[in-house]
Amino acid sequence: MLVLVAVEVSEEAARRLEVAARGNFGESMILALNESAVAAKIASAIPGPKLVMAAPDARIQDLCSSQ
């Protein structure tokens, strides 16, 4: 099952993710995960002003429009 997670992170967290993933995420990102358990771990580990976990059947367009 594919799970989409939209996350807004602090500047420091974004820098750490950029280093870890070797990509520029900025202050928000969409993670596409194949395991809902992994999504839940990420959701509980990332503090921030906004965290959206979409329903398993959500489309990426739905998630982007909720931002």
Protein backbone atom coordinates (compact mmCIF):
# COMPACT_ATOMS: atom_id res chain seq x y z
CA MET A 1 0.00 0.00 0.00
CA LEU A 2 1.35 3.44 -0.93
CA VAL A 3 1.01 6.10 1.77
CA LEU A 4 1.53 9.79 1.09
CA VAL A 5 2.76 12.08 3.85
CA ALA A 6 3.11 15.85 3.51
CA VAL A 7 5.43 17.44 6.01
CA GLU A 8 6.46 20.99 6.83
CA VAL A 9 9.77 21.00 8.67
CA SER A 10 12.01 23.55 10.30
CA GLU A 11 14.97 25.01 8.45
CA GLU A 12 17.37 22.85 10.46
CA ALA A 13 15.37 19.67 9.81
CA ALA A 14 15.25 20.50 6.09
CA ARG A 15 19.04 20.86 6.04
CA ARG A 16 19.47 17.49 7.73
CA LEU A 17 17.11 15.82 5.25
CA GLU A 18 18.94 17.45 2.35
CA VAL A 19 22.22 16.00 3.59
CA ALA A 20 20.71 12.56 4.21
CA ALA A 21 18.82 12.34 0.91
CA ARG A 22 21.20 14.47 -1.15
CA GLY A 23 18.33 16.58 -2.41
CA ASN A 24 16.83 20.00 -1.81
CA PHE A 25 13.48 19.74 -0.05
CA GLY A 26 12.98 23.30 1.16
CA GLU A 27 10.48 23.65 3.98
CA SER A 28 7.89 21.15 2.81
CA MET A 29 7.93 17.83 1.07
CA ILE A 30 5.76 14.92 0.07
CA LEU A 31 6.97 11.47 1.00
CA ALA A 32 5.58 8.46 -0.85
CA LEU A 33 5.97 5.38 1.31
CA ASN A 34 5.06 1.76 0.65
CA GLU A 35 4.59 0.88 4.30
CA SER A 36 2.00 2.59 6.47
CA ALA A 37 4.01 1.60 9.57
CA VAL A 38 6.98 3.57 8.24
CA ALA A 39 4.72 6.56 7.57
CA ALA A 40 3.48 6.44 11.15
CA LYS A 41 7.05 6.35 12.50
CA ILE A 42 7.99 9.36 10.38
CA ALA A 43 4.84 11.20 11.41
CA SER A 44 5.62 10.72 15.10
CA ALA A 45 9.31 11.59 14.70
CA ILE A 46 9.01 14.90 12.84
CA PRO A 47 7.86 17.85 14.92
CA GLY A 48 6.45 20.72 12.96
CA PRO A 49 3.59 23.12 12.46
CA LYS A 50 1.85 21.00 9.86
CA LEU A 51 1.77 17.29 9.15
CA VAL A 52 -0.79 15.70 6.85
CA MET A 53 -1.20 11.97 6.39
CA ALA A 54 -3.43 11.22 3.45
CA ALA A 55 -5.77 8.27 3.12
CA PRO A 56 -4.22 5.22 1.43
CA ASP A 57 -6.22 5.84 -1.74
CA ALA A 58 -5.44 9.57 -1.95
CA ARG A 59 -3.88 11.01 -5.06
CA ILE A 60 -0.85 13.26 -4.88
CA GLN A 61 -2.99 16.08 -6.35
CA ASP A 62 -5.37 15.79 -3.38
CA LEU A 63 -2.50 16.10 -0.96
CA CYS A 64 -1.00 19.12 -2.72
CA SER A 65 -4.33 20.94 -2.77
CA SER A 66 -4.69 20.53 1.01
CA GLN A 67 -1.52 22.52 1.67
